[in-house]
Amino acid sequence: MSGFFLSGNSCPAVKNILILDSEGKRVAVKYYSDEWPTNSAKLAFEKSLFGRTLKSNARTEAEITIFDSNIVIYKFVQDLHFFITGGDDENELLLATVLQGLFDAIALRLRNTIDKREALENLDVIFLCIDEVVDQGMILETDANAIAGKVAIQNMDASATLSEQTISQALASAREHLTKTLLK
């Protein structure tokens, strides 16, 4: 995450990352703040936020809103709604960069097929992307290529053909196959 300077004791933070479907139902969510202590409080926040942003035109580029004393950056793609929430004192450009980095990394890993069905089939990839972007609310990475690369290493797919694998993935697949063969 080069290019961002932290001043004083304040460290940019994300309160939650939400990916909801076109009906406002959860696809993938992560909360980093105890501002919503119960699951019902989280669901109420998601429902209210979804209702508030539903009529906006956030399909071409990310939009910003102040909601419940929080800055929320959001973007809609196909039947998915992406939200990044930060405190009202957070830098909205930084939050927008987090959203764009997460979205672009997911797009890279899902080969630009970003819809609910593909997201549900690849929830592990989406959560790995989220975890590479933010850890316990602290922003770790915003570069989509770096995020996607780290996720690719963590999510080695042994079923992929050798031409689709990196050298380390191919070696891991070969090692796994050899181990299975030897243990028979």
N, C-alpha and C. Protein backbone atom coordinates (compact mmCIF):
# COMPACT_ATOMS: atom_id res chain seq x y z
N MET A 1 0.84 -1.17 0.00
CA MET A 1 0.00 0.00 0.00
C MET A 1 0.88 1.23 0.00
N SER A 2 1.62 1.41 -1.00
CA SER A 2 2.53 2.54 -1.06
C SER A 2 1.78 3.82 -1.38
N GLY A 3 2.33 4.93 -0.95
CA GLY A 3 1.75 6.21 -1.30
C GLY A 3 0.86 6.81 -0.23
N PHE A 4 0.51 6.08 0.82
CA PHE A 4 -0.34 6.62 1.87
C PHE A 4 0.51 6.88 3.10
N PHE A 5 0.37 8.06 3.68
CA PHE A 5 1.13 8.41 4.86
C PHE A 5 0.19 8.51 6.03
N LEU A 6 0.56 7.89 7.12
CA LEU A 6 -0.26 7.92 8.33
C LEU A 6 0.28 9.02 9.23
N SER A 7 -0.62 9.85 9.73
CA SER A 7 -0.18 10.93 10.60
C SER A 7 -0.63 10.65 12.03
N GLY A 8 0.22 10.98 12.96
CA GLY A 8 -0.12 10.80 14.36
C GLY A 8 -0.44 9.35 14.69
N ASN A 9 -1.41 9.17 15.56
CA ASN A 9 -1.80 7.84 15.98
C ASN A 9 -2.94 7.29 15.13
N SER A 10 -3.48 8.11 14.26
CA SER A 10 -4.64 7.64 13.50
C SER A 10 -4.20 6.77 12.34
N CYS A 11 -4.80 5.62 12.28
CA CYS A 11 -4.54 4.68 11.20
C CYS A 11 -5.84 4.50 10.45
N PRO A 12 -5.84 4.65 9.14
CA PRO A 12 -7.09 4.47 8.40
C PRO A 12 -7.70 3.10 8.71
N ALA A 13 -9.01 3.09 8.89
CA ALA A 13 -9.66 1.84 9.26
C ALA A 13 -10.97 1.65 8.50
N VAL A 14 -11.30 0.40 8.30
CA VAL A 14 -12.55 0.01 7.67
C VAL A 14 -13.41 -0.64 8.74
N LYS A 15 -14.68 -0.26 8.79
CA LYS A 15 -15.58 -0.84 9.79
C LYS A 15 -16.24 -2.12 9.29
N ASN A 16 -16.51 -2.17 8.00
CA ASN A 16 -17.05 -3.40 7.43
C ASN A 16 -16.90 -3.39 5.91
N ILE A 17 -16.96 -4.60 5.36
CA ILE A 17 -17.00 -4.80 3.92
C ILE A 17 -18.23 -5.66 3.66
N LEU A 18 -19.10 -5.18 2.81
CA LEU A 18 -20.34 -5.89 2.53
C LEU A 18 -20.47 -6.15 1.03
N ILE A 19 -20.82 -7.36 0.70
CA ILE A 19 -21.21 -7.69 -0.68
C ILE A 19 -22.59 -8.30 -0.55
N LEU A 20 -23.58 -7.58 -1.09
CA LEU A 20 -24.98 -8.00 -1.01
C LEU A 20 -25.50 -8.28 -2.41
N ASP A 21 -26.56 -9.08 -2.50
CA ASP A 21 -27.15 -9.35 -3.81
C ASP A 21 -28.15 -8.25 -4.15
N SER A 22 -28.84 -8.38 -5.26
CA SER A 22 -29.75 -7.34 -5.73
C SER A 22 -31.02 -7.23 -4.89
N GLU A 23 -31.20 -8.13 -3.93
CA GLU A 23 -32.34 -8.05 -3.00
C GLU A 23 -31.88 -7.61 -1.61
N GLY A 24 -30.60 -7.32 -1.45
CA GLY A 24 -30.08 -6.89 -0.17
C GLY A 24 -29.67 -8.04 0.75
N LYS A 25 -29.65 -9.24 0.24
CA LYS A 25 -29.26 -10.41 1.03
C LYS A 25 -27.73 -10.56 1.00
N ARG A 26 -27.19 -11.12 2.06
CA ARG A 26 -25.74 -11.29 2.18
C ARG A 26 -25.19 -12.27 1.15
N VAL A 27 -24.09 -11.89 0.56
CA VAL A 27 -23.27 -12.79 -0.24
C VAL A 27 -21.98 -13.03 0.53
N ALA A 28 -21.29 -11.95 0.88
CA ALA A 28 -20.07 -12.04 1.70
C ALA A 28 -19.98 -10.76 2.52
N VAL A 29 -19.86 -10.90 3.83
CA VAL A 29 -19.74 -9.73 4.71
C VAL A 29 -18.67 -9.99 5.76
N LYS A 30 -17.98 -8.92 6.13
CA LYS A 30 -17.00 -8.97 7.21
C LYS A 30 -17.13 -7.67 8.00
N TYR A 31 -17.25 -7.81 9.31
CA TYR A 31 -17.32 -6.66 10.21
C TYR A 31 -16.04 -6.60 11.03
N TYR A 32 -15.52 -5.37 11.20
CA TYR A 32 -14.30 -5.17 11.96
C TYR A 32 -14.53 -4.24 13.14
N SER A 33 -15.75 -3.78 13.32
CA SER A 33 -16.07 -2.84 14.38
C SER A 33 -17.12 -3.46 15.29
N ASP A 34 -17.05 -3.14 16.58
CA ASP A 34 -18.08 -3.64 17.50
C ASP A 34 -19.27 -2.68 17.57
N GLU A 35 -19.34 -1.78 16.60
CA GLU A 35 -20.46 -0.84 16.51
C GLU A 35 -21.79 -1.58 16.32
N TRP A 36 -21.72 -2.75 15.72
CA TRP A 36 -22.90 -3.60 15.51
C TRP A 36 -22.64 -4.90 16.26
N PRO A 37 -23.01 -4.95 17.55
CA PRO A 37 -22.59 -6.07 18.40
C PRO A 37 -23.31 -7.40 18.13
N THR A 38 -24.50 -7.35 17.57
CA THR A 38 -25.26 -8.58 17.36
C THR A 38 -25.49 -8.80 15.87
N ASN A 39 -25.81 -10.03 15.54
CA ASN A 39 -26.11 -10.34 14.15
C ASN A 39 -27.35 -9.57 13.68
N SER A 40 -28.34 -9.41 14.54
CA SER A 40 -29.54 -8.67 14.15
C SER A 40 -29.21 -7.20 13.91
N ALA A 41 -28.28 -6.62 14.68
CA ALA A 41 -27.87 -5.24 14.43
C ALA A 41 -27.16 -5.11 13.09
N LYS A 42 -26.33 -6.10 12.76
CA LYS A 42 -25.64 -6.11 11.47
C LYS A 42 -26.64 -6.22 10.33
N LEU A 43 -27.60 -7.14 10.47
CA LEU A 43 -28.62 -7.32 9.42
C LEU A 43 -29.46 -6.05 9.25
N ALA A 44 -29.79 -5.39 10.36
CA ALA A 44 -30.57 -4.15 10.28
C ALA A 44 -29.78 -3.06 9.57
N PHE A 45 -28.48 -2.96 9.87
CA PHE A 45 -27.62 -1.98 9.19
C PHE A 45 -27.59 -2.27 7.69
N GLU A 46 -27.38 -3.54 7.33
CA GLU A 46 -27.32 -3.92 5.92
C GLU A 46 -28.62 -3.60 5.19
N LYS A 47 -29.74 -3.90 5.82
CA LYS A 47 -31.05 -3.65 5.21
C LYS A 47 -31.28 -2.15 5.02
N SER A 48 -30.96 -1.36 6.03
CA SER A 48 -31.13 0.09 5.94
C SER A 48 -30.22 0.70 4.88
N LEU A 49 -28.96 0.27 4.87
CA LEU A 49 -28.00 0.78 3.90
C LEU A 49 -28.41 0.41 2.48
N PHE A 50 -28.84 -0.83 2.30
CA PHE A 50 -29.28 -1.28 0.99
C PHE A 50 -30.47 -0.44 0.52
N GLY A 51 -31.44 -0.23 1.39
CA GLY A 51 -32.61 0.58 1.04
C GLY A 51 -32.24 2.01 0.69
N ARG A 52 -31.28 2.56 1.42
CA ARG A 52 -30.86 3.94 1.20
C ARG A 52 -30.15 4.11 -0.14
N THR A 53 -29.40 3.11 -0.57
CA THR A 53 -28.58 3.24 -1.78
C THR A 53 -29.21 2.61 -3.02
N LEU A 54 -30.32 1.92 -2.85
CA LEU A 54 -30.91 1.14 -3.94
C LEU A 54 -31.20 1.96 -5.19
N LYS A 55 -31.69 3.16 -5.03
CA LYS A 55 -32.10 3.96 -6.19
C LYS A 55 -30.97 4.77 -6.81
N SER A 56 -29.76 4.66 -6.26
CA SER A 56 -28.65 5.42 -6.83
C SER A 56 -28.13 4.73 -8.09
N ASN A 57 -27.33 5.46 -8.83
CA ASN A 57 -26.78 4.94 -10.07
C ASN A 57 -25.29 4.68 -9.90
N ALA A 58 -24.95 3.72 -9.01
CA ALA A 58 -23.55 3.44 -8.71
C ALA A 58 -23.00 2.35 -9.61
N ARG A 59 -23.48 2.25 -10.82
CA ARG A 59 -23.01 1.20 -11.72
C ARG A 59 -21.80 1.64 -12.53
N THR A 60 -21.71 2.90 -12.85
CA THR A 60 -20.59 3.35 -13.67
C THR A 60 -19.34 3.60 -12.83
N GLU A 61 -19.52 4.19 -11.66
CA GLU A 61 -18.38 4.39 -10.77
C GLU A 61 -18.89 4.42 -9.34
N ALA A 62 -17.96 4.30 -8.41
CA ALA A 62 -18.33 4.25 -6.99
C ALA A 62 -18.97 5.56 -6.55
N GLU A 63 -19.89 5.44 -5.61
CA GLU A 63 -20.57 6.60 -5.04
C GLU A 63 -20.25 6.66 -3.56
N ILE A 64 -20.52 7.81 -2.96
CA ILE A 64 -20.25 8.01 -1.54
C ILE A 64 -21.51 8.51 -0.86
N THR A 65 -21.72 8.08 0.37
CA THR A 65 -22.82 8.60 1.17
C THR A 65 -22.40 8.62 2.64
N ILE A 66 -23.05 9.47 3.40
CA ILE A 66 -22.91 9.46 4.86
C ILE A 66 -24.14 8.72 5.37
N PHE A 67 -23.91 7.66 6.16
CA PHE A 67 -25.02 6.84 6.65
C PHE A 67 -24.73 6.45 8.09
N ASP A 68 -25.63 6.81 9.00
CA ASP A 68 -25.45 6.52 10.44
C ASP A 68 -24.09 6.98 10.94
N SER A 69 -23.70 8.18 10.59
CA SER A 69 -22.41 8.77 11.00
C SER A 69 -21.21 7.99 10.48
N ASN A 70 -21.37 7.33 9.36
CA ASN A 70 -20.27 6.61 8.71
C ASN A 70 -20.18 7.05 7.26
N ILE A 71 -18.98 6.98 6.72
CA ILE A 71 -18.79 7.19 5.29
C ILE A 71 -18.91 5.82 4.63
N VAL A 72 -19.75 5.73 3.63
CA VAL A 72 -19.92 4.47 2.91
C VAL A 72 -19.63 4.72 1.44
N ILE A 73 -18.71 3.94 0.89
CA ILE A 73 -18.40 3.97 -0.53
C ILE A 73 -19.02 2.71 -1.11
N TYR A 74 -19.72 2.84 -2.23
CA TYR A 74 -20.40 1.66 -2.77
C TYR A 74 -20.41 1.67 -4.29
N LYS A 75 -20.58 0.46 -4.82
CA LYS A 75 -20.57 0.26 -6.26
C LYS A 75 -21.43 -0.96 -6.56
N PHE A 76 -22.21 -0.88 -7.63
CA PHE A 76 -23.06 -1.99 -8.04
C PHE A 76 -22.53 -2.57 -9.35
N VAL A 77 -22.43 -3.90 -9.40
CA VAL A 77 -21.99 -4.58 -10.61
C VAL A 77 -22.88 -5.79 -10.80
N GLN A 78 -23.50 -5.88 -11.95
CA GLN A 78 -24.46 -6.96 -12.24
C GLN A 78 -25.48 -7.01 -11.11
N ASP A 79 -25.59 -8.16 -10.44
CA ASP A 79 -26.55 -8.30 -9.34
C ASP A 79 -25.86 -8.29 -7.98
N LEU A 80 -24.68 -7.65 -7.90
CA LEU A 80 -23.96 -7.54 -6.64
C LEU A 80 -23.77 -6.07 -6.25
N HIS A 81 -23.85 -5.82 -4.95
CA HIS A 81 -23.67 -4.48 -4.41
C HIS A 81 -22.50 -4.55 -3.44
N PHE A 82 -21.44 -3.78 -3.71
CA PHE A 82 -20.23 -3.75 -2.90
C PHE A 82 -20.25 -2.49 -2.04
N PHE A 83 -19.96 -2.64 -0.72
CA PHE A 83 -19.94 -1.52 0.21
C PHE A 83 -18.68 -1.58 1.07
N ILE A 84 -18.07 -0.42 1.30
CA ILE A 84 -16.97 -0.28 2.25
C ILE A 84 -17.41 0.83 3.21
N THR A 85 -17.39 0.53 4.51
CA THR A 85 -17.81 1.51 5.52
C THR A 85 -16.61 1.92 6.35
N GLY A 86 -16.50 3.22 6.55
CA GLY A 86 -15.47 3.77 7.43
C GLY A 86 -16.09 4.82 8.33
N GLY A 87 -15.36 5.24 9.34
CA GLY A 87 -15.85 6.29 10.24
C GLY A 87 -16.01 7.61 9.51
N ASP A 88 -16.76 8.53 10.11
CA ASP A 88 -17.00 9.81 9.45
C ASP A 88 -15.76 10.67 9.34
N ASP A 89 -14.67 10.26 10.00
CA ASP A 89 -13.41 11.00 9.89
C ASP A 89 -12.42 10.35 8.94
N GLU A 90 -12.84 9.28 8.28
CA GLU A 90 -11.94 8.60 7.34
C GLU A 90 -11.85 9.35 6.02
N ASN A 91 -10.78 9.11 5.31
CA ASN A 91 -10.56 9.72 4.00
C ASN A 91 -11.36 8.94 2.96
N GLU A 92 -12.32 9.60 2.35
CA GLU A 92 -13.19 8.89 1.39
C GLU A 92 -12.43 8.43 0.15
N LEU A 93 -11.37 9.13 -0.22
CA LEU A 93 -10.58 8.68 -1.37
C LEU A 93 -9.85 7.38 -1.05
N LEU A 94 -9.36 7.26 0.18
CA LEU A 94 -8.71 6.02 0.59
C LEU A 94 -9.73 4.88 0.62
N LEU A 95 -10.91 5.13 1.15
CA LEU A 95 -11.96 4.10 1.17
C LEU A 95 -12.36 3.70 -0.25
N ALA A 96 -12.42 4.68 -1.15
CA ALA A 96 -12.75 4.38 -2.55
C ALA A 96 -11.64 3.53 -3.18
N THR A 97 -10.40 3.80 -2.81
CA THR A 97 -9.28 3.00 -3.31
C THR A 97 -9.36 1.57 -2.80
N VAL A 98 -9.77 1.40 -1.55
CA VAL A 98 -9.96 0.06 -0.98
C VAL A 98 -11.05 -0.68 -1.76
N LEU A 99 -12.16 -0.01 -1.99
CA LEU A 99 -13.26 -0.64 -2.74
C LEU A 99 -12.81 -1.03 -4.14
N GLN A 100 -12.14 -0.13 -4.83
CA GLN A 100 -11.71 -0.42 -6.20
C GLN A 100 -10.68 -1.55 -6.23
N GLY A 101 -9.75 -1.55 -5.29
CA GLY A 101 -8.75 -2.61 -5.22
C GLY A 101 -9.39 -3.97 -4.97
N LEU A 102 -10.34 -4.01 -4.04
CA LEU A 102 -11.05 -5.26 -3.75
C LEU A 102 -11.83 -5.72 -4.97
N PHE A 103 -12.59 -4.81 -5.55
CA PHE A 103 -13.40 -5.17 -6.72
C PHE A 103 -12.52 -5.67 -7.87
N ASP A 104 -11.45 -4.95 -8.17
CA ASP A 104 -10.57 -5.35 -9.27
C ASP A 104 -9.88 -6.69 -9.01
N ALA A 105 -9.50 -6.94 -7.75
CA ALA A 105 -8.87 -8.22 -7.41
C ALA A 105 -9.86 -9.36 -7.59
N ILE A 106 -11.10 -9.16 -7.16
CA ILE A 106 -12.13 -10.18 -7.35
C ILE A 106 -12.37 -10.41 -8.84
N ALA A 107 -12.42 -9.32 -9.60
CA ALA A 107 -12.61 -9.44 -11.06
C ALA A 107 -11.47 -10.23 -11.69
N LEU A 108 -10.24 -9.97 -11.26
CA LEU A 108 -9.10 -10.72 -11.80
C LEU A 108 -9.22 -12.21 -11.47
N ARG A 109 -9.54 -12.52 -10.23
CA ARG A 109 -9.63 -13.93 -9.80
C ARG A 109 -10.82 -14.65 -10.42
N LEU A 110 -11.92 -13.93 -10.67
CA LEU A 110 -13.11 -14.56 -11.26
C LEU A 110 -13.17 -14.36 -12.77
N ARG A 111 -12.09 -13.93 -13.33
CA ARG A 111 -11.96 -13.72 -14.78
C ARG A 111 -13.08 -12.84 -15.33
N ASN A 112 -13.31 -11.73 -14.64
CA ASN A 112 -14.28 -10.70 -15.02
C ASN A 112 -15.73 -11.17 -15.09
N THR A 113 -16.04 -12.31 -14.50
CA THR A 113 -17.43 -12.76 -14.40
C THR A 113 -17.88 -12.50 -12.97
N ILE A 114 -18.42 -11.30 -12.77
CA ILE A 114 -18.81 -10.91 -11.41
C ILE A 114 -20.33 -10.84 -11.34
N ASP A 115 -20.91 -11.91 -10.85
CA ASP A 115 -22.34 -11.95 -10.58
C ASP A 115 -22.57 -12.84 -9.37
N LYS A 116 -23.81 -12.89 -8.90
CA LYS A 116 -24.10 -13.61 -7.66
C LYS A 116 -23.74 -15.10 -7.76
N ARG A 117 -24.11 -15.73 -8.86
CA ARG A 117 -23.85 -17.16 -9.01
C ARG A 117 -22.35 -17.44 -8.93
N GLU A 118 -21.57 -16.69 -9.67
CA GLU A 118 -20.11 -16.87 -9.68
C GLU A 118 -19.52 -16.55 -8.32
N ALA A 119 -20.04 -15.52 -7.67
CA ALA A 119 -19.55 -15.15 -6.34
C ALA A 119 -19.82 -16.26 -5.34
N LEU A 120 -21.01 -16.83 -5.37
CA LEU A 120 -21.35 -17.90 -4.42
C LEU A 120 -20.51 -19.15 -4.67
N GLU A 121 -20.21 -19.43 -5.94
CA GLU A 121 -19.38 -20.59 -6.27
C GLU A 121 -17.92 -20.37 -5.88
N ASN A 122 -17.53 -19.12 -5.69
CA ASN A 122 -16.13 -18.79 -5.38
C ASN A 122 -16.03 -17.97 -4.10
N LEU A 123 -16.85 -18.27 -3.12
CA LEU A 123 -16.82 -17.52 -1.86
C LEU A 123 -15.45 -17.56 -1.20
N ASP A 124 -14.77 -18.70 -1.31
CA ASP A 124 -13.44 -18.80 -0.72
C ASP A 124 -12.49 -17.76 -1.31
N VAL A 125 -12.56 -17.57 -2.62
CA VAL A 125 -11.72 -16.59 -3.30
C VAL A 125 -12.08 -15.17 -2.84
N ILE A 126 -13.37 -14.91 -2.73
CA ILE A 126 -13.83 -13.58 -2.32
C ILE A 126 -13.36 -13.27 -0.90
N PHE A 127 -13.53 -14.24 0.01
CA PHE A 127 -13.09 -14.00 1.39
C PHE A 127 -11.57 -13.87 1.49
N LEU A 128 -10.84 -14.62 0.66
CA LEU A 128 -9.38 -14.46 0.64
C LEU A 128 -9.01 -13.06 0.16
N CYS A 129 -9.71 -12.57 -0.86
CA CYS A 129 -9.45 -11.20 -1.35
C CYS A 129 -9.74 -10.18 -0.24
N ILE A 130 -10.87 -10.34 0.43
CA ILE A 130 -11.22 -9.43 1.53
C ILE A 130 -10.13 -9.46 2.60
N ASP A 131 -9.68 -10.66 2.95
CA ASP A 131 -8.65 -10.80 3.99
C ASP A 131 -7.30 -10.21 3.58
N GLU A 132 -7.01 -10.19 2.30
CA GLU A 132 -5.76 -9.58 1.83
C GLU A 132 -5.85 -8.05 1.80
N VAL A 133 -7.07 -7.52 1.70
CA VAL A 133 -7.26 -6.07 1.66
C VAL A 133 -7.28 -5.49 3.06
N VAL A 134 -8.05 -6.11 3.96
CA VAL A 134 -8.25 -5.58 5.31
C VAL A 134 -8.07 -6.69 6.33
N ASP A 135 -7.36 -6.38 7.42
CA ASP A 135 -7.21 -7.32 8.53
C ASP A 135 -7.59 -6.59 9.81
N GLN A 136 -8.61 -7.07 10.47
CA GLN A 136 -9.11 -6.47 11.71
C GLN A 136 -9.36 -4.97 11.55
N GLY A 137 -9.82 -4.58 10.38
CA GLY A 137 -10.14 -3.18 10.12
C GLY A 137 -9.00 -2.36 9.55
N MET A 138 -7.78 -2.87 9.65
CA MET A 138 -6.62 -2.14 9.14
C MET A 138 -6.42 -2.45 7.66
N ILE A 139 -6.24 -1.41 6.88
CA ILE A 139 -6.05 -1.57 5.44
C ILE A 139 -4.64 -2.06 5.18
N LEU A 140 -4.55 -3.22 4.52
CA LEU A 140 -3.25 -3.82 4.24
C LEU A 140 -2.77 -3.56 2.82
N GLU A 141 -3.68 -3.66 1.87
CA GLU A 141 -3.28 -3.61 0.45
C GLU A 141 -4.43 -3.07 -0.37
N THR A 142 -4.11 -2.27 -1.38
CA THR A 142 -5.14 -1.76 -2.28
C THR A 142 -4.83 -2.05 -3.75
N ASP A 143 -3.65 -2.61 -4.03
CA ASP A 143 -3.27 -2.92 -5.40
C ASP A 143 -3.90 -4.25 -5.81
N ALA A 144 -4.78 -4.21 -6.79
CA ALA A 144 -5.54 -5.38 -7.21
C ALA A 144 -4.64 -6.54 -7.66
N ASN A 145 -3.58 -6.22 -8.40
CA ASN A 145 -2.69 -7.29 -8.88
C ASN A 145 -1.98 -7.97 -7.72
N ALA A 146 -1.56 -7.21 -6.72
CA ALA A 146 -0.90 -7.79 -5.55
C ALA A 146 -1.88 -8.66 -4.76
N ILE A 147 -3.10 -8.17 -4.60
CA ILE A 147 -4.13 -8.93 -3.87
C ILE A 147 -4.43 -10.23 -4.61
N ALA A 148 -4.69 -10.12 -5.90
CA ALA A 148 -5.03 -11.31 -6.70
C ALA A 148 -3.88 -12.31 -6.71
N GLY A 149 -2.64 -11.81 -6.76
CA GLY A 149 -1.48 -12.71 -6.74
C GLY A 149 -1.36 -13.47 -5.43
N LYS A 150 -1.59 -12.79 -4.31
CA LYS A 150 -1.52 -13.45 -3.00
C LYS A 150 -2.64 -14.47 -2.87
N VAL A 151 -3.81 -14.14 -3.37
CA VAL A 151 -4.95 -15.07 -3.31
C VAL A 151 -4.68 -16.28 -4.18
N ALA A 152 -4.07 -16.08 -5.33
CA ALA A 152 -3.75 -17.20 -6.23
C ALA A 152 -2.82 -18.19 -5.54
N ILE A 153 -1.85 -17.68 -4.82
CA ILE A 153 -0.91 -18.55 -4.12
C ILE A 153 -1.61 -19.31 -3.00
N GLN A 154 -2.50 -18.62 -2.27
CA GLN A 154 -3.21 -19.26 -1.17
C GLN A 154 -4.25 -20.26 -1.64
N ASN A 155 -4.77 -20.04 -2.82
CA ASN A 155 -5.89 -20.83 -3.31
C ASN A 155 -5.45 -21.69 -4.49
N MET A 156 -4.37 -22.42 -4.32
CA MET A 156 -3.85 -23.24 -5.41
C MET A 156 -4.89 -24.25 -5.85
N ASP A 157 -5.15 -24.28 -7.12
CA ASP A 157 -6.16 -25.18 -7.67
C ASP A 157 -5.47 -26.35 -8.34
N ALA A 158 -5.47 -27.49 -7.68
CA ALA A 158 -4.80 -28.67 -8.21
C ALA A 158 -5.49 -29.23 -9.44
N SER A 159 -6.76 -28.87 -9.64
CA SER A 159 -7.49 -29.41 -10.78
C SER A 159 -7.25 -28.61 -12.06
N ALA A 160 -6.63 -27.44 -11.96
CA ALA A 160 -6.36 -26.63 -13.14
C ALA A 160 -5.30 -27.33 -14.01
N THR A 161 -5.37 -27.09 -15.30
CA THR A 161 -4.38 -27.69 -16.18
C THR A 161 -3.03 -27.05 -15.91
N LEU A 162 -1.97 -27.75 -16.26
CA LEU A 162 -0.63 -27.23 -15.99
C LEU A 162 -0.38 -25.88 -16.66
N SER A 163 -0.97 -25.66 -17.82
CA SER A 163 -0.75 -24.38 -18.51
C SER A 163 -1.40 -23.22 -17.77
N GLU A 164 -2.41 -23.48 -16.92
CA GLU A 164 -3.07 -22.42 -16.17
C GLU A 164 -2.41 -22.19 -14.81
N GLN A 165 -1.46 -23.04 -14.42
CA GLN A 165 -0.86 -22.95 -13.11
C GLN A 165 0.47 -22.22 -13.16
N THR A 166 0.81 -21.59 -12.03
CA THR A 166 2.14 -21.03 -11.91
C THR A 166 3.09 -22.19 -11.63
N ILE A 167 4.37 -21.93 -11.68
CA ILE A 167 5.35 -22.99 -11.42
C ILE A 167 5.17 -23.55 -10.01
N SER A 168 4.98 -22.67 -9.02
CA SER A 168 4.82 -23.16 -7.65
C SER A 168 3.54 -23.98 -7.50
N GLN A 169 2.47 -23.58 -8.19
CA GLN A 169 1.23 -24.35 -8.14
C GLN A 169 1.43 -25.71 -8.80
N ALA A 170 2.13 -25.74 -9.93
CA ALA A 170 2.37 -27.01 -10.63
C ALA A 170 3.22 -27.94 -9.76
N LEU A 171 4.25 -27.40 -9.10
CA LEU A 171 5.07 -28.22 -8.21
C LEU A 171 4.26 -28.75 -7.04
N ALA A 172 3.39 -27.92 -6.48
CA ALA A 172 2.55 -28.36 -5.36
C ALA A 172 1.60 -29.46 -5.82
N SER A 173 1.04 -29.31 -7.02
CA SER A 173 0.14 -30.35 -7.56
C SER A 173 0.89 -31.65 -7.79
N ALA A 174 2.09 -31.55 -8.33
CA ALA A 174 2.90 -32.75 -8.58
C ALA A 174 3.28 -33.42 -7.26
N ARG A 175 3.66 -32.62 -6.27
CA ARG A 175 4.02 -33.15 -4.96
C ARG A 175 2.83 -33.87 -4.33
N GLU A 176 1.66 -33.26 -4.43
CA GLU A 176 0.44 -33.87 -3.87
C GLU A 176 0.12 -35.18 -4.58
N HIS A 177 0.23 -35.18 -5.89
CA HIS A 177 -0.04 -36.39 -6.67
C HIS A 177 0.96 -37.50 -6.30
N LEU A 178 2.24 -37.14 -6.18
CA LEU A 178 3.27 -38.11 -5.81
C LEU A 178 3.01 -38.69 -4.42
N THR A 179 2.63 -37.81 -3.48
CA THR A 179 2.34 -38.26 -2.12
C THR A 179 1.18 -39.24 -2.11
N LYS A 180 0.11 -38.93 -2.86
CA LYS A 180 -1.05 -39.84 -2.93
C LYS A 180 -0.64 -41.18 -3.53
N THR A 181 0.19 -41.13 -4.56
CA THR A 181 0.64 -42.36 -5.22
C THR A 181 1.47 -43.22 -4.28
N LEU A 182 2.36 -42.60 -3.53
CA LEU A 182 3.23 -43.33 -2.61
C LEU A 182 2.47 -43.92 -1.41
N LEU A 183 1.40 -43.25 -1.01
CA LEU A 183 0.64 -43.71 0.15
C LEU A 183 -0.36 -44.82 -0.18
N LYS A 184 -0.54 -45.13 -1.44
CA LYS A 184 -1.50 -46.18 -1.84
C LYS A 184 -0.99 -47.55 -1.55
